[in-house]
Protein backbone atom coordinates (compact mmCIF):
# COMPACT_ATOMS: atom_id res chain seq x y z
CA MET A 1 -5.65 -26.51 -6.91
CA THR A 2 -4.24 -26.54 -10.44
CA ASP A 3 -0.70 -27.08 -11.73
CA LYS A 4 -1.12 -24.07 -14.02
CA PRO A 5 0.34 -20.74 -12.84
CA ARG A 6 -1.98 -18.40 -11.00
CA ILE A 7 -2.78 -15.21 -12.92
CA LEU A 8 -2.34 -11.93 -11.05
CA LEU A 9 -4.38 -9.08 -12.56
CA VAL A 10 -3.33 -5.70 -11.16
CA ASP A 11 -5.60 -2.65 -11.42
CA LEU A 12 -2.97 0.01 -12.07
CA SER A 13 -5.50 2.85 -12.03
CA SER A 14 -6.60 1.89 -8.52
CA LEU A 15 -3.02 1.68 -7.22
CA TRP A 16 -1.83 4.84 -8.96
CA TRP A 17 -4.59 7.25 -7.93
CA ALA A 18 -4.57 6.00 -4.34
CA ALA A 19 -0.79 6.55 -4.23
CA TYR A 20 -1.14 9.95 -5.91
CA HIS A 21 -3.67 11.32 -3.43
CA VAL A 22 -1.60 10.13 -0.46
CA ASN A 23 1.80 11.21 -1.79
CA ALA A 24 1.05 14.27 -3.95
CA GLU A 25 2.50 16.69 -1.40
CA ASN A 26 5.79 14.77 -1.44
CA GLY A 27 6.17 15.07 -5.20
CA LEU A 28 4.88 12.96 -8.07
CA HIS A 29 7.96 10.76 -7.95
CA SER A 30 6.77 9.59 -4.51
CA ALA A 31 3.44 8.52 -6.00
CA ARG A 32 5.27 6.58 -8.68
CA ALA A 33 7.48 4.93 -6.10
CA ALA A 34 4.46 3.98 -3.97
CA THR A 35 2.66 2.55 -7.00
CA LEU A 36 5.61 0.39 -8.00
CA ALA A 37 5.99 -0.72 -4.39
CA GLY A 38 2.31 -1.69 -4.40
CA VAL A 39 2.76 -3.83 -7.50
CA LYS A 40 5.73 -5.59 -5.94
CA ARG A 41 3.86 -6.10 -2.68
CA ALA A 42 0.94 -7.65 -4.53
CA MET A 43 3.29 -10.09 -6.24
CA GLY A 44 4.18 -11.70 -2.93
CA ASP A 45 6.54 -14.60 -3.62
CA GLY A 46 6.77 -13.56 -7.27
CA HIS A 47 5.58 -16.90 -8.68
CA ASP A 48 2.39 -15.59 -10.26
CA THR A 49 2.03 -14.66 -13.93
CA VAL A 50 1.31 -10.93 -13.84
CA ALA A 51 -0.61 -8.53 -16.06
CA ILE A 52 -0.97 -4.82 -15.31
CA CYS A 53 -4.40 -3.58 -16.41
CA CYS A 54 -5.00 0.10 -17.20
CA ASP A 55 -7.75 2.57 -18.09
CA SER A 56 -7.55 3.98 -21.59
CA GLY A 57 -9.03 7.40 -22.21
CA ARG A 58 -12.73 8.22 -22.05
CA SER A 59 -14.87 5.31 -20.84
CA PHE A 60 -17.74 3.99 -22.94
CA ARG A 61 -19.85 4.47 -19.79
CA ARG A 62 -19.67 8.24 -20.34
CA GLU A 63 -21.53 7.68 -23.63
CA ILE A 64 -24.29 5.87 -21.73
CA TYR A 65 -24.40 8.41 -18.92
CA PRO A 66 -22.48 11.71 -19.39
CA GLU A 67 -22.52 12.31 -15.63
CA TYR A 68 -20.54 9.13 -14.95
CA LYS A 69 -17.60 10.16 -12.71
CA ALA A 70 -18.25 13.75 -13.81
CA GLN A 71 -18.13 15.04 -10.24
CA ARG A 72 -14.48 14.09 -9.87
CA GLU A 73 -12.03 16.96 -9.80
CA LYS A 74 -9.77 17.17 -12.84
CA GLN A 75 -6.25 16.24 -11.82
CA PRO A 76 -3.15 18.16 -12.98
CA GLU A 77 -1.73 17.17 -16.36
CA ALA A 78 1.53 16.37 -14.59
CA ALA A 79 -0.23 13.57 -12.71
CA TYR A 80 -1.29 11.91 -15.97
CA GLY A 81 2.21 12.39 -17.33
CA GLU A 82 3.67 10.68 -14.27
CA LEU A 83 1.15 7.85 -14.64
CA GLN A 84 2.43 7.35 -18.19
CA LYS A 85 5.99 7.22 -16.86
CA THR A 86 4.88 4.62 -14.35
CA LYS A 87 3.50 2.49 -17.17
CA GLU A 88 6.75 2.82 -19.09
CA ARG A 89 8.71 1.95 -15.99
CA LEU A 90 6.65 -1.21 -15.43
CA GLU A 91 7.19 -2.26 -19.04
CA ALA A 92 10.93 -1.66 -18.64
CA ASP A 93 10.85 -3.92 -15.58
CA GLY A 94 9.40 -6.69 -17.76
CA PHE A 95 5.68 -6.46 -16.94
CA LEU A 96 2.89 -6.95 -19.46
CA LEU A 97 0.46 -4.02 -19.73
CA TRP A 98 -3.09 -4.40 -21.05
CA GLU A 99 -5.39 -1.55 -22.03
CA SER A 100 -8.03 -1.04 -24.69
CA PRO A 101 -9.64 2.16 -26.10
CA PHE A 102 -12.77 3.32 -24.24
CA MET A 103 -12.43 0.49 -21.72
CA GLU A 104 -11.65 0.77 -18.04
CA ALA A 105 -9.17 -1.40 -16.18
CA ASP A 106 -12.17 -3.16 -14.57
CA ASP A 107 -13.35 -4.44 -17.95
CA VAL A 108 -9.86 -5.54 -18.99
CA ILE A 109 -9.55 -7.44 -15.71
CA ALA A 110 -13.01 -9.01 -16.06
CA THR A 111 -12.22 -10.24 -19.59
CA ALA A 112 -8.81 -11.62 -18.60
CA CYS A 113 -10.30 -13.26 -15.51
CA LYS A 114 -12.94 -15.09 -17.57
CA ILE A 115 -10.40 -16.32 -20.12
CA ALA A 116 -8.02 -17.45 -17.38
CA ARG A 117 -10.73 -19.40 -15.54
CA ASP A 118 -11.94 -20.97 -18.78
CA ARG A 119 -8.37 -22.22 -19.31
CA GLY A 120 -8.07 -23.63 -15.81
CA HIS A 121 -5.99 -20.93 -14.11
CA GLU A 122 -6.65 -19.58 -10.65
CA VAL A 123 -6.87 -15.78 -10.55
CA ARG A 124 -6.08 -13.07 -8.04
CA VAL A 125 -7.32 -9.54 -8.75
CA VAL A 126 -5.49 -6.64 -7.09
CA SER A 127 -7.69 -3.57 -6.67
CA SER A 128 -9.56 -1.46 -4.13
CA ASP A 129 -12.51 -1.12 -6.53
CA LYS A 130 -15.56 -2.84 -5.07
CA ASP A 131 -17.04 -3.36 -8.56
CA LEU A 132 -14.44 -6.08 -9.15
CA LEU A 133 -15.81 -8.10 -6.23
CA GLN A 134 -18.39 -9.25 -8.78
CA LEU A 135 -15.70 -11.56 -10.16
CA LEU A 136 -15.37 -13.56 -6.95
CA GLY A 137 -16.10 -17.23 -7.25
CA PRO A 138 -14.34 -20.61 -7.44
CA GLY A 139 -10.67 -20.02 -8.17
CA VAL A 140 -10.91 -16.21 -7.97
CA ASP A 141 -10.12 -13.93 -5.06
CA VAL A 142 -9.44 -10.20 -4.72
CA LEU A 143 -6.54 -8.59 -2.88
CA ARG A 144 -8.02 -5.26 -1.83
CA SER A 145 -5.10 -2.90 -2.22
CA HIS A 146 -6.34 -0.24 0.23
CA THR A 147 -6.23 -2.71 3.15
CA TRP A 148 -4.14 -5.57 1.63
CA GLU A 149 -6.83 -7.98 2.77
CA VAL A 150 -7.77 -10.94 0.59
CA TRP A 151 -11.49 -11.31 -0.10
CA ASP A 152 -13.26 -14.40 -1.37
CA SER A 153 -16.97 -15.16 -1.78
CA ARG A 154 -17.32 -15.97 1.91
CA LYS A 155 -15.95 -12.57 2.85
CA VAL A 156 -18.69 -10.86 0.80
CA VAL A 157 -21.33 -12.82 2.71
CA GLU A 158 -19.64 -11.92 6.00
CA LYS A 159 -19.11 -8.21 5.27
CA ILE A 160 -22.06 -7.31 3.04
CA GLY A 161 -24.59 -10.07 3.71
CA ILE A 162 -25.14 -11.22 0.12
CA ASP A 163 -23.55 -13.60 -2.39
CA SER A 164 -20.88 -12.20 -4.69
CA GLY A 165 -23.14 -12.98 -7.67
CA GLN A 166 -25.65 -10.44 -6.32
CA LEU A 167 -23.16 -7.57 -6.16
CA GLY A 168 -24.16 -6.07 -9.51
CA ASP A 169 -27.78 -5.74 -8.40
CA PHE A 170 -26.63 -4.56 -4.96
CA LEU A 171 -24.57 -1.72 -6.48
CA ALA A 172 -27.40 -0.84 -8.86
CA LEU A 173 -29.81 -0.41 -5.95
CA LYS A 174 -27.55 1.56 -3.61
CA GLY A 175 -25.65 3.54 -6.24
CA ASP A 176 -22.06 4.71 -5.91
CA ALA A 177 -21.25 8.30 -5.02
CA SER A 178 -17.57 7.92 -5.97
CA ASP A 179 -18.52 7.05 -9.57
CA ASN A 180 -21.64 9.26 -9.60
CA ILE A 181 -23.93 6.25 -10.16
CA PRO A 182 -27.44 7.28 -9.06
CA GLY A 183 -28.99 4.06 -7.73
CA CYS A 184 -32.30 4.31 -5.91
CA PRO A 185 -32.59 7.26 -3.49
CA GLY A 186 -33.33 6.11 0.05
CA ILE A 187 -31.68 2.70 -0.36
CA GLY A 188 -28.33 2.11 1.25
CA ASP A 189 -26.21 -0.94 1.96
CA LYS A 190 -28.49 -2.45 4.58
CA ARG A 191 -31.76 -2.05 2.67
CA ALA A 192 -30.24 -3.27 -0.61
CA ALA A 193 -28.87 -6.38 1.13
CA GLU A 194 -32.26 -7.05 2.76
CA LEU A 195 -34.11 -6.84 -0.56
CA LEU A 196 -31.67 -9.16 -2.34
CA THR A 197 -31.64 -11.64 0.54
CA LYS A 198 -35.42 -11.86 0.28
CA TYR A 199 -35.86 -11.75 -3.52
CA GLU A 200 -32.39 -12.85 -4.77
CA THR A 201 -32.30 -10.57 -7.83
CA LEU A 202 -33.25 -7.03 -8.79
CA ASP A 203 -35.66 -8.34 -11.44
CA ARG A 204 -37.55 -10.34 -8.81
CA VAL A 205 -37.75 -7.28 -6.57
CA TYR A 206 -39.56 -5.42 -9.33
CA GLU A 207 -41.68 -8.47 -10.22
CA ALA A 208 -42.92 -8.56 -6.62
CA LEU A 209 -43.49 -4.81 -6.66
CA ASP A 210 -45.44 -5.01 -9.95
CA ALA A 211 -47.54 -7.84 -8.49
CA GLY A 212 -48.63 -5.58 -5.65
CA LYS A 213 -46.66 -7.40 -2.97
CA GLU A 214 -45.28 -5.52 -0.01
CA VAL A 215 -41.52 -5.51 -0.58
CA ALA A 216 -40.52 -2.70 1.80
CA THR A 217 -41.86 0.43 3.48
CA GLN A 218 -44.18 2.65 1.49
CA SER A 219 -41.50 5.31 1.03
CA ILE A 220 -38.98 2.76 -0.29
CA GLU A 221 -41.55 1.21 -2.62
CA LYS A 222 -42.41 4.67 -3.93
CA SER A 223 -38.74 5.41 -4.56
CA LEU A 224 -38.27 2.07 -6.34
CA ARG A 225 -41.17 2.84 -8.69
CA GLU A 226 -40.22 6.46 -9.38
CA ASN A 227 -36.53 5.69 -9.93
CA ARG A 228 -36.81 2.45 -11.87
CA ALA A 229 -35.09 3.97 -14.89
CA LYS A 230 -32.20 5.18 -12.73
CA VAL A 231 -31.80 1.74 -11.18
CA GLU A 232 -31.71 0.07 -14.61
CA LEU A 233 -29.19 2.66 -15.80
CA SER A 234 -27.08 2.01 -12.69
CA ARG A 235 -27.11 -1.72 -13.40
CA LYS A 236 -25.71 -1.05 -16.89
CA LEU A 237 -23.01 1.21 -15.48
CA VAL A 238 -21.77 -1.25 -12.84
CA ALA A 239 -21.89 -4.26 -15.17
CA LEU A 240 -18.44 -5.51 -16.16
CA ARG A 241 -17.53 -6.19 -19.78
CA PHE A 242 -16.11 -9.58 -20.74
CA ASP A 243 -15.37 -8.87 -24.40
CA VAL A 244 -12.35 -6.55 -24.31
CA PRO A 245 -9.93 -7.45 -27.13
CA ILE A 246 -6.75 -8.59 -25.36
CA MET A 247 -4.00 -10.96 -26.47
CA PHE A 248 -4.20 -13.38 -23.56
CA ASP A 249 -1.32 -15.57 -24.77
CA ASP A 250 1.02 -12.59 -24.43
CA LEU A 251 0.98 -13.38 -20.70
CA PHE A 252 3.27 -16.33 -21.25
CA LYS A 253 5.80 -14.72 -23.56
CA GLU A 254 9.25 -14.06 -22.13
CA ARG A 255 9.88 -10.41 -21.27
CA LYS A 256 13.27 -9.35 -19.99
CA PRO A 257 13.80 -6.19 -17.95
CA GLN A 258 15.26 -3.42 -20.09
CA PRO A 259 17.83 -0.76 -19.18
CA LEU A 260 16.13 2.28 -17.68
CA THR A 261 16.08 5.44 -19.73
CA GLU A 262 16.58 8.85 -18.19
CA GLU A 263 12.91 9.63 -18.81
CA ILE A 264 11.50 6.77 -16.73
CA ALA A 265 14.21 6.19 -14.11
CA PHE A 266 13.98 7.62 -10.63
CA ARG A 267 16.49 10.31 -9.85
CA HIS A 268 18.19 7.87 -7.48
CA GLU A 269 18.45 5.23 -10.21
CA ALA A 270 19.85 7.71 -12.68
CA ALA A 271 22.46 8.60 -10.09
CA ALA A 272 23.23 4.91 -9.62
CA VAL A 273 23.73 4.38 -13.37
CA GLU A 274 26.10 7.34 -13.53
CA ALA A 275 27.90 6.14 -10.39
CA ILE A 276 28.47 2.70 -11.89
CA GLU A 277 30.07 4.29 -14.93
CA ASN A 278 32.28 6.47 -12.74
CA ALA A 279 33.26 3.52 -10.56
CA ASN A 280 34.09 1.43 -13.61
CA ARG A 281 36.34 4.16 -14.94
CA MET A 282 38.16 4.34 -11.61
CA LEU A 283 38.52 0.58 -11.38
CA ALA A 284 39.78 0.33 -14.94
CA GLU A 285 42.81 2.32 -13.87
CA GLN A 286 43.62 -0.15 -11.08
CA ASP A 287 45.37 -3.49 -11.28
CA GLU A 288 43.23 -6.60 -11.23
CA THR A 289 43.37 -8.42 -7.91
CA ALA A 290 42.81 -12.03 -7.01
CA LEU A 291 41.51 -11.10 -3.58
CA VAL A 292 38.00 -12.38 -2.98
CA TYR A 293 35.46 -11.06 -0.53
CA SER A 294 33.52 -13.83 1.25
CA ALA A 295 29.87 -13.06 0.67
CA PRO A 296 27.15 -14.18 3.10
CA SER A 297 26.35 -17.86 2.75
CA ASP A 298 22.87 -17.17 1.38
CA SER A 299 24.14 -14.99 -1.48
CA VAL A 300 24.15 -16.45 -4.96
CA THR A 301 27.84 -15.85 -5.61
CA SER A 302 30.87 -14.40 -3.90
CA LEU A 303 31.80 -10.86 -4.69
CA SER A 304 35.30 -10.01 -5.83
CA LEU A 305 37.09 -7.15 -4.19
CA ARG A 306 36.52 -5.27 -7.42
CA ASP A 307 32.75 -5.73 -7.02
CA VAL A 308 32.82 -4.47 -3.47
CA VAL A 309 34.90 -1.40 -4.34
CA MET A 310 32.55 -0.57 -7.20
CA GLN A 311 29.53 -0.91 -4.96
CA LYS A 312 31.09 1.34 -2.33
CA LYS A 313 31.89 3.93 -4.99
CA MET A 314 28.33 3.74 -6.24
CA ILE A 315 26.95 4.37 -2.75
CA ALA A 316 29.17 7.43 -2.38
CA GLU A 317 28.11 8.79 -5.77
CA CYS A 318 24.44 8.21 -4.99
CA MET A 319 24.75 9.95 -1.65
CA ARG A 320 26.10 13.06 -3.30
CA ALA A 321 23.33 12.96 -5.92
CA VAL A 322 20.46 12.19 -3.57
CA MET A 323 21.14 13.73 -0.17
CA LYS A 324 21.02 17.43 -0.88
CA LYS A 325 20.62 19.99 1.84
CA GLY A 326 17.15 21.52 1.91
CA GLU A 327 15.36 18.44 0.55
CA HIS A 328 13.46 15.80 2.44
CA TYR A 329 11.98 12.40 1.65
CA GLY A 330 8.38 12.37 2.83
CA VAL A 331 6.51 13.76 5.80
CA VAL A 332 5.81 12.53 9.28
CA PRO A 333 2.19 11.25 9.40
CA GLY A 334 -0.16 13.37 11.46
CA THR A 335 2.17 16.38 11.76
CA ASN A 336 0.73 18.64 9.06
CA SER A 337 3.51 18.12 6.52
CA LYS A 338 6.45 18.27 8.94
CA PRO A 339 9.47 16.93 7.01
CA SER A 340 10.81 13.56 8.04
CA LEU A 341 14.53 12.95 8.61
CA PHE A 342 16.73 14.06 5.74
CA LYS A 343 17.83 10.59 4.70
CA ALA A 344 17.36 8.21 1.81
CA GLY A 345 16.48 5.20 3.97
CA ALA A 346 15.92 1.57 3.13
CA ASP A 347 13.01 2.15 0.74
CA THR A 348 14.96 4.61 -1.39
CA LEU A 349 17.94 2.29 -1.52
CA GLY A 350 15.64 -0.56 -2.49
CA PHE A 351 14.21 1.40 -5.41
CA MET A 352 17.63 2.64 -6.41
CA PHE A 353 19.08 -0.86 -6.61
CA ARG A 354 15.78 -2.36 -7.90
CA LEU A 355 15.36 -4.77 -5.00
CA ARG A 356 12.20 -6.67 -4.09
CA ALA A 357 11.62 -7.38 -0.39
CA GLU A 358 10.04 -10.64 0.81
CA TYR A 359 9.37 -11.47 4.44
CA ASP A 360 9.29 -14.72 6.42
CA LEU A 361 8.14 -14.99 10.02
CA ASP A 362 11.00 -16.63 11.91
CA LYS A 363 9.50 -16.62 15.42
CA ALA A 364 6.31 -15.32 17.02
CA VAL A 365 5.19 -15.18 20.65
CA ASN A 366 1.80 -13.78 21.59
CA GLU A 367 1.08 -14.38 25.25
CA PRO A 368 -0.77 -12.32 27.85
CA GLY A 369 1.53 -9.43 28.64
CA TYR A 370 4.19 -10.29 26.07
CA ILE A 371 4.38 -10.05 22.26
CA TYR A 372 7.51 -10.88 20.29
CA TYR A 373 8.22 -11.13 16.56
CA ARG A 374 11.39 -12.02 14.69
CA VAL A 375 11.25 -11.57 10.91
CA ARG A 376 13.61 -12.45 8.08
CA CYS A 377 13.71 -10.15 5.03
CA LYS A 378 15.08 -11.40 1.71
CA LEU A 379 16.06 -8.91 -0.98
CA THR A 380 15.94 -10.08 -4.59
CA HIS A 381 17.34 -8.16 -7.55
CA ILE A 382 14.30 -7.67 -9.82
CA PRO A 383 16.03 -7.70 -13.25
CA THR A 384 17.99 -10.92 -12.56
CA ASP A 385 15.77 -12.52 -9.87
CA ARG A 386 18.90 -13.23 -7.80
CA LEU A 387 19.01 -13.19 -4.03
CA VAL A 388 21.10 -10.23 -2.91
CA ALA A 389 20.96 -10.34 0.89
CA THR A 390 18.95 -11.31 3.92
CA GLY A 391 18.39 -9.44 7.15
CA MET A 392 16.81 -10.14 10.52
CA GLY A 393 14.69 -7.85 12.65
CA SER A 394 12.86 -8.31 15.92
CA CYS A 395 10.64 -6.32 18.24
CA ASN A 396 8.82 -7.04 21.51
CA SER A 397 6.29 -5.41 23.79
CA ARG A 398 8.83 -4.92 26.60
CA GLU A 399 10.61 -2.18 24.69
CA ASN A 400 9.90 1.15 26.35
CA LYS A 401 8.12 2.68 23.37
CA TYR A 402 5.63 -0.21 23.29
CA LYS A 403 4.76 -0.26 26.98
CA ARG A 404 1.68 1.69 26.13
CA THR A 405 -1.01 2.18 28.74
CA ALA A 406 -4.29 3.99 28.57
CA PRO A 407 -4.38 7.50 30.14
CA LYS A 408 -5.07 7.64 33.86
CA LYS A 409 -8.32 9.26 35.02
CA CYS A 410 -8.42 12.54 36.89
CA PRO A 411 -9.81 12.17 40.46
CA LYS A 412 -11.60 15.52 40.07
CA CYS A 413 -13.11 15.56 36.57
CA ASN A 414 -12.75 11.86 35.64
CA ALA A 415 -11.21 12.76 32.26
CA GLU A 416 -8.56 10.43 30.87
CA ALA A 417 -6.11 13.31 30.63
CA ILE A 418 -3.54 12.72 33.38
CA ILE A 419 0.10 13.15 32.38
CA ILE A 420 3.28 13.08 34.46
CA GLY A 421 5.01 16.41 34.88
CA ASN A 422 8.62 17.17 34.00
CA PRO A 423 10.51 18.28 37.13
CA GLU A 424 12.98 20.30 35.06
CA TYR A 425 10.27 22.57 33.65
CA GLU A 426 7.66 22.57 36.45
CA ARG A 427 7.56 26.05 38.00
CA ASP A 428 5.54 25.15 41.10
CA PRO A 429 7.96 23.42 43.55
CA ALA A 430 5.11 21.63 45.28
CA PHE A 431 4.22 19.73 42.13
CA LYS A 432 7.62 19.07 40.52
CA GLY A 433 7.45 15.69 38.82
CA GLY A 434 3.80 15.35 39.80
CA TRP A 435 0.64 14.75 37.81
CA LEU A 436 -1.31 17.19 35.64
CA CYS A 437 -4.82 16.84 34.26
CA HIS A 438 -3.91 18.16 30.83
CA GLY A 439 -6.33 20.75 29.42
CA LYS A 440 -5.49 20.01 25.79
CA ARG A 441 -6.63 16.43 26.36
CA GLY A 442 -9.96 17.56 27.75
CA GLY A 443 -8.82 17.78 31.38
CA CYS A 444 -9.55 20.33 34.07
CA GLY A 445 -5.96 21.48 34.67
CA ALA A 446 -5.77 20.18 38.26
CA LYS A 447 -2.34 19.24 39.69
CA PHE A 448 -1.49 16.35 41.96
CA LYS A 449 1.60 15.20 43.82
CA ALA A 450 3.63 12.37 42.34
CA THR A 451 2.68 10.13 45.28
CA ASP A 452 -1.07 10.77 45.11
CA GLU A 453 -2.63 7.32 45.54
CA ALA A 454 -5.84 8.40 43.80
CA ILE A 455 -3.75 8.29 40.62
CA THR A 456 -0.90 5.88 41.34
CA GLY A 457 -3.37 3.33 42.67
CA GLN A 458 -5.29 3.13 39.40
CA ALA A 459 -4.91 -0.24 37.68
CA PRO A 460 -2.94 0.05 34.45
CA SER A 461 -4.92 -0.44 31.27
CA VAL A 462 -3.00 -1.70 28.26
CA ALA A 463 -3.54 -0.59 24.70
CA ASP A 464 -5.64 -2.58 22.26
CA PRO A 465 -3.78 -5.93 21.97
CA SER A 466 -4.51 -6.35 18.25
CA ASP A 467 -3.21 -2.87 17.49
CA LEU A 468 -0.08 -3.47 19.56
CA ASP A 469 0.49 -6.85 17.91
CA ASN A 470 0.29 -5.31 14.45
CA THR A 471 2.60 -2.42 15.38
CA ILE A 472 5.29 -4.72 16.79
CA LEU A 473 5.15 -6.99 13.74
CA LYS A 474 5.54 -3.99 11.41
CA MET A 475 8.53 -2.71 13.40
CA ALA A 476 10.20 -6.14 13.21
CA MET A 477 9.64 -6.14 9.43
CA LYS A 478 11.06 -2.62 9.13
CA ARG A 479 14.19 -3.55 11.08
CA ALA A 480 14.67 -6.68 8.97
CA ARG A 481 14.32 -4.59 5.80
CA VAL A 482 16.91 -2.07 6.98
CA ASP A 483 19.31 -4.83 8.03
CA ALA A 484 19.02 -6.57 4.65
CA THR A 485 19.32 -3.30 2.74
CA LEU A 486 22.46 -2.18 4.52
CA THR A 487 24.00 -5.58 3.83
CA GLY A 488 22.87 -5.86 0.22
CA THR A 489 24.01 -2.39 -0.79
CA SER A 490 27.17 -2.22 1.33
CA ALA A 491 25.79 0.93 2.91
CA GLY A 492 26.74 1.65 6.52
CA ASP A 493 25.00 3.73 9.16
CA PHE A 494 26.75 6.72 7.64
CA PHE A 495 24.29 6.58 4.73
CA THR A 496 21.26 6.97 6.99
CA GLN A 497 22.47 9.85 9.15
CA ASP A 498 20.48 13.07 9.37
CA ILE A 499 21.52 15.67 6.84
CA GLU A 500 22.58 17.99 9.68
CA ASP A 501 25.44 15.56 10.42
CA LEU A 502 26.73 15.85 6.86
CA ASP A 503 27.31 19.59 6.51
CA VAL A 504 31.04 19.20 6.00
CA GLN A 505 30.71 16.61 3.26
CA LEU A 506 27.95 18.48 1.47
CA GLU A 507 29.70 21.81 1.58
CA GLY A 508 32.70 20.16 0.01
CA ASP A 509 30.61 18.74 -2.83
CA GLU A 510 28.47 21.72 -3.76
């Protein structure tokens, strides 16, 4: 360990394009929101010194190999425009951005990582790009943003079977379809790892091959010889640069969050800014009051009645600006773009008020047949770094929705497709409330009485414990986040109602 701050190097390109492809159907603003949320999630407790690293135009690798990433579909100009807004938003929030002409974010990160290690800092890289795993070593780990799993050198050995220092040669041998890097045809992950385990480096593989030694099967050896130039080219393409001109000392300069402009603010934030102005005008016409509202004990300061009234007014203004009939805020996963509930929700409120969520595990029970989590969520105001509110949330495996069991097997066809019938809709009186071997689940369509022991006598089979554990923990975190958000923004349940319940209010506002 070192007493110097850890350096967090965030690959903005990786976060942005992943968010864009997932959220594009919900609107580009959703991709921007997801990207900013990813940055904040990567920050964890917020004690790291952070730099956001970006691509900048055409990569020098295209000069070496014109086909580099050439297979990728050109994205709409609006997506690049929204990426630029995301950069501006991050700068307004006080983040340092690094980019350099013709360089990719990978090279900026590699250069910054080397300088940081030379100066005694520990480094965490945030990216889903496997090329950056080459940087792993003492004092350096990678938070893989597609899974949010932290990798170190040991993880590379465990997952890939080689040392992190061999990754450049590994990628050169196997190629990379996503970046259009050719590699050596016929060699995949397993074969590349075997060759490097035996010979350590790519150069030694070819030295053994040139010496007439048997390094692999005849077909692989033939491919290695015929594609040597492609392999060498691939090694150049995957190699990281460590000479990007960056001002490393800028990391430690003070940067204060700036007021958001209309161009880079979310629609919800713009509404909040306008609402504050409206609330201030209304309050200016009222008499000052000495009444004081007792804030929660973990808040930084008490709020005056004036503060509370203003916050309430702001919520009302934001509701009118945000919750419009005919709009929705995302889609339900797995439902082919079915709109989710027409509500702003805790995430939207968090972005609107610029709140960062942090979670602490308050209690955990994981016993055979019973899982329980209680989580505390703390919301911090990003511009001022002040604690706004805390909330608690819990979830356990005895809640009805989590008593998940595997499907029962059909006594006739043995398919795991048995479902219980609904007596209100079952037309055949003999089978009301009985069992059905559901055809859409691969069953035979047979019906059985509710008391049929061939089905009721089957031993229950619980869902995958690890999956259930993760689901319950996430639900506890979600409930804690909602609890903290409703407290911190003075928003009641009224704010999260379905839009159908608000027809009267909306009709009066439009």
